[in-house]
Amino acid sequence: MSSATSNVLTPAPTDEQRFDADLLGVVARRRRRVQLTSWIVRVLVFVVFSLVWWSLSATGLVNVNFISTPWDVAVRIGEMIIDPEVWYEIGHTFQAALLALAIGTLLGVSCGLLFHRVRVLAKALNPFITLFNALPRPALAPLFILWFGLGVTAKVVVGVSIVFFILLLNTMAGMAMVDPDIRLLTDSLGPSRWQRFIHVELPTALPSIVAGLRLGAVYSVLGVVVSEIVAAYHGLGVLMVRAANSFDITGSMAVLVLMALCALVLDLAVRLVQRRVGSADTRLL
């Protein structure tokens, strides 16, 4: 088929199609520009932080034995990364944090939905929720270890005790954010409870739930590490205690970085879930 025939058969794009293509191009360029700017800011923050840290130790404003140096910490992290024993300890901490996040999220979201549906139960238990949420987890960790032992169970329970309340409160807050006008309009259409939950309440509450999930991802690692620092057989908290007891500041800093990386990995996983939830939310609407 000749090119002339092909041009005749291929319809020319309409003005609306050209406008949509131009709009998509503008959005894509803006997204790339924002992403590039964010990476530049991240690099600058890291560089400034490292320079301040290095200057404090190099000029003697702070004793290097107290804060180490960025280079020494980076070298120690490199040594840890190639050490199979360190990966074994990271696996223990990450496994416990992941279990704490999953169990705490399941229980927190379920109870949040239940309390939203049964308002009398939520009002009756609200003082107890506030009371138990106010208890300091480091003080509870020894009790959990006494009850559940030095294995993974105690660490998971400590993590769940933090994640549960975060997801519970965020779920309840998200479910209460439905606009009264939208609720009134929905009720006028006569939907079932399940339809109202799927099409109105859940899409409204999802951003709050996902925000709580991201916060819970960080605090699950915190809870697990607190339990490991108190007493445990394995985990990054155990490495932290060993380094601190031997006054190894460089090792302590390196372990702190590994803890932060574990929390970062969980947060990235939650962000992937957030993107899926966003697309699912769009389909529901």
Protein backbone atom coordinates (compact mmCIF):
# COMPACT_ATOMS: atom_id res chain seq x y z
CA MET A 1 0.00 0.00 0.00
CA SER A 2 1.37 3.36 -0.97
CA SER A 3 2.06 6.13 1.50
CA ALA A 4 -0.63 8.28 -0.14
CA THR A 5 -3.26 5.58 0.40
CA SER A 6 -2.05 5.15 3.99
CA ASN A 7 -2.43 8.87 4.63
CA VAL A 8 -5.95 8.79 3.25
CA LEU A 9 -6.98 5.84 5.43
CA THR A 10 -5.41 7.23 8.60
CA PRO A 11 -7.71 9.87 10.10
CA ALA A 12 -6.10 13.11 11.16
CA PRO A 13 -6.14 13.73 14.92
CA THR A 14 -8.92 15.98 16.10
CA ASP A 15 -8.38 19.18 18.06
CA GLU A 16 -9.52 17.40 21.22
CA GLN A 17 -7.02 14.58 20.71
CA ARG A 18 -4.20 17.06 20.10
CA PHE A 19 -5.18 18.97 23.26
CA ASP A 20 -5.17 15.75 25.31
CA ALA A 21 -1.75 14.80 23.94
CA ASP A 22 -0.33 18.25 24.71
CA LEU A 23 -1.81 18.12 28.22
CA LEU A 24 -0.30 14.69 28.87
CA GLY A 25 3.06 15.98 27.66
CA VAL A 26 2.90 18.96 30.01
CA VAL A 27 1.99 16.72 32.95
CA ALA A 28 4.81 14.29 32.13
CA ARG A 29 7.38 17.09 31.86
CA ARG A 30 6.20 18.61 35.13
CA ARG A 31 6.40 15.23 36.85
CA ARG A 32 9.96 14.68 35.60
CA ARG A 33 10.94 18.18 36.70
CA VAL A 34 9.51 17.62 40.21
CA GLN A 35 11.25 14.25 40.46
CA LEU A 36 14.59 15.72 39.37
CA THR A 37 14.24 18.60 41.82
CA SER A 38 13.42 16.24 44.68
CA TRP A 39 16.53 14.15 43.98
CA ILE A 40 18.69 17.27 43.85
CA VAL A 41 17.31 18.39 47.23
CA ARG A 42 17.94 14.93 48.70
CA VAL A 43 21.54 14.93 47.53
CA LEU A 44 22.09 18.46 48.85
CA VAL A 45 20.65 17.56 52.26
CA PHE A 46 22.88 14.48 52.44
CA VAL A 47 25.96 16.45 51.41
CA VAL A 48 25.28 19.28 53.87
CA PHE A 49 24.64 16.83 56.71
CA SER A 50 27.87 14.95 55.93
CA LEU A 51 29.89 18.17 55.70
CA VAL A 52 28.55 19.43 59.03
CA TRP A 53 29.26 16.09 60.65
CA TRP A 54 32.78 15.99 59.19
CA SER A 55 33.54 19.59 60.18
CA LEU A 56 32.45 18.97 63.77
CA SER A 57 34.83 16.03 64.08
CA ALA A 58 37.70 17.48 62.00
CA THR A 59 37.83 20.85 63.77
CA GLY A 60 37.60 19.32 67.22
CA LEU A 61 34.37 21.10 68.17
CA VAL A 62 33.08 17.69 69.19
CA ASN A 63 35.33 14.84 70.27
CA VAL A 64 35.63 12.39 67.37
CA ASN A 65 35.35 9.54 69.89
CA PHE A 66 31.77 10.65 70.54
CA ILE A 67 30.46 11.08 66.98
CA SER A 68 33.00 9.24 64.77
CA THR A 69 33.31 10.48 61.16
CA PRO A 70 31.19 9.96 58.03
CA TRP A 71 33.99 8.11 56.29
CA ASP A 72 34.58 5.69 59.18
CA VAL A 73 30.86 4.97 59.43
CA ALA A 74 30.63 4.40 55.67
CA VAL A 75 33.58 1.98 55.82
CA ARG A 76 31.99 0.11 58.72
CA ILE A 77 28.68 -0.16 56.86
CA GLY A 78 30.57 -1.61 53.89
CA GLU A 79 32.19 -4.17 56.17
CA MET A 80 28.80 -5.07 57.64
CA ILE A 81 27.16 -5.46 54.27
CA ILE A 82 29.61 -8.19 53.23
CA ASP A 83 29.31 -9.96 56.59
CA PRO A 84 26.77 -12.86 56.46
CA GLU A 85 26.26 -12.68 60.22
CA VAL A 86 25.03 -9.08 59.96
CA TRP A 87 22.56 -10.07 57.26
CA TYR A 88 21.33 -12.80 59.58
CA GLU A 89 20.66 -10.20 62.28
CA ILE A 90 19.00 -7.86 59.75
CA GLY A 91 16.74 -10.71 58.68
CA HIS A 92 15.57 -11.26 62.26
CA THR A 93 14.73 -7.59 62.75
CA PHE A 94 13.08 -7.19 59.34
CA GLN A 95 11.02 -10.35 59.74
CA ALA A 96 9.71 -9.27 63.14
CA ALA A 97 8.98 -5.74 61.90
CA LEU A 98 7.10 -7.07 58.85
CA LEU A 99 5.01 -9.39 61.01
CA ALA A 100 4.29 -6.59 63.47
CA LEU A 101 3.23 -4.30 60.62
CA ALA A 102 0.96 -6.91 59.04
CA ILE A 103 -0.71 -8.04 62.28
CA GLY A 104 -1.00 -4.52 63.69
CA THR A 105 -2.51 -3.25 60.44
CA LEU A 106 -5.03 -6.07 60.23
CA LEU A 107 -6.15 -5.66 63.84
CA GLY A 108 -6.07 -1.85 63.79
CA VAL A 109 -8.08 -1.45 60.58
CA SER A 110 -10.58 -4.14 61.61
CA CYS A 111 -11.19 -2.58 65.03
CA GLY A 112 -11.36 0.89 63.49
CA LEU A 113 -14.09 -0.23 61.09
CA LEU A 114 -15.91 -2.01 63.92
CA PHE A 115 -15.80 1.03 66.20
CA HIS A 116 -17.04 3.25 63.37
CA ARG A 117 -19.98 0.92 62.79
CA VAL A 118 -20.79 0.43 66.51
CA ARG A 119 -20.54 3.94 67.93
CA VAL A 120 -21.58 2.87 71.44
CA LEU A 121 -18.67 0.46 71.61
CA ALA A 122 -16.22 3.14 70.43
CA LYS A 123 -17.49 5.63 73.00
CA ALA A 124 -17.33 3.07 75.79
CA LEU A 125 -13.79 1.93 74.98
CA ASN A 126 -12.34 5.34 74.12
CA PRO A 127 -10.87 5.93 77.64
CA PHE A 128 -9.21 2.52 77.58
CA ILE A 129 -7.80 3.14 74.09
CA THR A 130 -6.28 6.41 75.26
CA LEU A 131 -4.95 4.77 78.43
CA PHE A 132 -3.24 1.84 76.72
CA ASN A 133 -1.92 3.99 73.87
CA ALA A 134 -0.29 6.32 76.41
CA LEU A 135 1.73 3.51 78.01
CA PRO A 136 5.45 3.79 77.09
CA ARG A 137 6.51 0.81 74.98
CA PRO A 138 10.08 0.65 76.39
CA ALA A 139 8.50 0.11 79.81
CA LEU A 140 6.24 -2.64 78.43
CA ALA A 141 9.02 -4.43 76.54
CA PRO A 142 10.46 -6.17 79.65
CA LEU A 143 6.96 -7.45 80.52
CA PHE A 144 6.39 -8.79 77.01
CA ILE A 145 9.80 -10.48 77.09
CA LEU A 146 8.94 -12.01 80.48
CA TRP A 147 5.63 -13.31 79.12
CA PHE A 148 6.67 -14.40 75.62
CA GLY A 149 10.41 -15.11 75.97
CA LEU A 150 13.44 -13.86 74.08
CA GLY A 151 12.33 -15.07 70.66
CA VAL A 152 10.52 -13.33 67.84
CA THR A 153 7.11 -13.35 69.59
CA ALA A 154 7.97 -10.67 72.15
CA LYS A 155 9.43 -8.41 69.45
CA VAL A 156 6.34 -8.78 67.29
CA VAL A 157 4.04 -8.03 70.22
CA VAL A 158 5.92 -4.83 71.03
CA GLY A 159 5.70 -3.75 67.39
CA VAL A 160 2.00 -4.64 67.19
CA SER A 161 1.30 -2.62 70.34
CA ILE A 162 2.48 0.48 68.46
CA VAL A 163 1.17 -0.18 64.95
CA PHE A 164 -2.28 -1.24 66.19
CA PHE A 165 -3.13 2.11 67.77
CA ILE A 166 -1.77 4.08 64.80
CA LEU A 167 -3.99 2.21 62.33
CA LEU A 168 -6.94 2.16 64.72
CA LEU A 169 -6.99 5.93 65.18
CA ASN A 170 -6.27 6.67 61.51
CA THR A 171 -9.02 4.33 60.36
CA MET A 172 -11.56 5.86 62.71
CA ALA A 173 -10.54 9.36 61.63
CA GLY A 174 -10.70 8.43 57.94
CA MET A 175 -14.14 6.86 58.24
CA ALA A 176 -15.42 9.98 60.01
CA MET A 177 -14.24 12.24 57.17
CA VAL A 178 -17.15 11.46 54.84
CA ASP A 179 -18.83 14.71 53.86
CA PRO A 180 -22.35 14.93 55.37
CA ASP A 181 -23.77 16.17 52.06
CA ILE A 182 -22.30 13.20 50.20
CA ARG A 183 -23.62 10.86 52.88
CA LEU A 184 -27.10 12.43 52.60
CA LEU A 185 -27.04 12.18 48.81
CA THR A 186 -25.90 8.57 48.98
CA ASP A 187 -28.64 7.64 51.46
CA SER A 188 -31.23 9.20 49.16
CA LEU A 189 -30.24 6.68 46.47
CA GLY A 190 -31.06 3.79 48.78
CA PRO A 191 -27.78 1.81 48.70
CA SER A 192 -27.05 -1.16 50.92
CA ARG A 193 -24.56 -0.90 53.76
CA TRP A 194 -22.00 -2.78 51.69
CA GLN A 195 -22.44 -0.47 48.69
CA ARG A 196 -22.15 2.62 50.92
CA PHE A 197 -18.98 1.21 52.48
CA ILE A 198 -17.34 0.27 49.15
CA HIS A 199 -18.25 3.34 47.11
CA VAL A 200 -18.28 6.14 49.70
CA GLU A 201 -16.74 5.39 53.08
CA LEU A 202 -13.76 3.26 52.05
CA PRO A 203 -12.48 5.60 49.27
CA THR A 204 -12.72 8.51 51.70
CA ALA A 205 -10.88 6.66 54.47
CA LEU A 206 -8.16 5.09 52.30
CA PRO A 207 -5.75 8.09 52.31
CA SER A 208 -5.87 8.24 56.10
CA ILE A 209 -5.41 4.48 56.42
CA VAL A 210 -2.45 4.45 54.03
CA ALA A 211 -0.89 7.40 55.87
CA GLY A 212 -1.19 5.42 59.09
CA LEU A 213 0.31 2.40 57.34
CA ARG A 214 3.38 4.42 56.31
CA LEU A 215 3.78 5.69 59.86
CA GLY A 216 3.29 2.17 61.18
CA ALA A 217 6.04 0.86 58.88
CA VAL A 218 8.56 3.10 60.62
CA TYR A 219 7.29 2.47 64.13
CA SER A 220 7.18 -1.29 63.66
CA VAL A 221 10.96 -1.24 63.25
CA LEU A 222 11.20 1.04 66.28
CA GLY A 223 9.15 -1.32 68.44
CA VAL A 224 11.12 -4.38 67.36
CA VAL A 225 14.48 -2.68 67.97
CA VAL A 226 13.36 -1.49 71.42
CA SER A 227 12.52 -5.08 72.34
CA GLU A 228 15.87 -6.30 70.99
CA ILE A 229 17.76 -3.66 72.98
CA VAL A 230 16.05 -4.75 76.18
CA ALA A 231 16.73 -8.44 75.64
CA ALA A 232 16.89 -10.75 72.63
CA TYR A 233 18.96 -13.44 70.99
CA HIS A 234 19.26 -11.86 67.56
CA GLY A 235 18.57 -8.62 65.71
CA LEU A 236 20.00 -5.20 65.00
CA GLY A 237 19.14 -4.11 68.53
CA VAL A 238 21.51 -6.79 69.82
CA LEU A 239 24.28 -5.49 67.56
CA MET A 240 23.53 -1.98 68.85
CA VAL A 241 23.90 -3.09 72.47
CA ARG A 242 27.17 -4.89 71.72
CA ALA A 243 28.63 -1.84 70.00
CA ALA A 244 27.45 0.54 72.74
CA ASN A 245 28.77 -1.68 75.54
CA SER A 246 32.19 -1.75 73.91
CA PHE A 247 32.09 2.05 73.31
CA ASP A 248 32.26 1.43 69.55
CA ILE A 249 30.65 4.69 68.36
CA THR A 250 31.39 3.94 64.71
CA GLY A 251 29.67 0.58 64.98
CA SER A 252 26.71 2.13 66.79
CA MET A 253 26.30 4.74 64.05
CA ALA A 254 26.51 2.06 61.37
CA VAL A 255 23.84 -0.05 63.07
CA LEU A 256 21.59 3.03 63.32
CA VAL A 257 21.93 3.52 59.57
CA LEU A 258 20.98 -0.12 58.96
CA MET A 259 17.92 0.31 61.18
CA ALA A 260 16.90 3.38 59.19
CA LEU A 261 17.36 1.46 55.93
CA CYS A 262 15.05 -1.32 57.18
CA ALA A 263 12.38 1.28 57.95
CA LEU A 264 12.98 2.85 54.52
CA VAL A 265 12.47 -0.47 52.74
CA LEU A 266 9.17 -1.03 54.56
CA ASP A 267 8.08 2.53 53.75
CA LEU A 268 8.88 1.99 50.06
CA ALA A 269 6.80 -1.19 50.10
CA VAL A 270 3.89 0.71 51.64
CA ARG A 271 4.23 3.43 49.00
CA LEU A 272 3.90 0.79 46.29
CA VAL A 273 0.73 -0.40 48.01
CA GLN A 274 -0.42 3.21 48.16
CA ARG A 275 -0.10 3.52 44.37
CA ARG A 276 -2.10 0.33 43.88
CA VAL A 277 -4.70 1.58 46.33
CA GLY A 278 -4.90 4.88 44.45
CA SER A 279 -5.61 3.10 41.18
CA ALA A 280 -8.15 0.85 42.88
CA ASP A 281 -9.75 3.90 44.46
CA THR A 282 -10.13 5.44 41.03
CA ARG A 283 -11.81 2.31 39.71
CA LEU A 284 -14.19 2.25 42.68
CA LEU A 285 -15.24 5.81 42.01
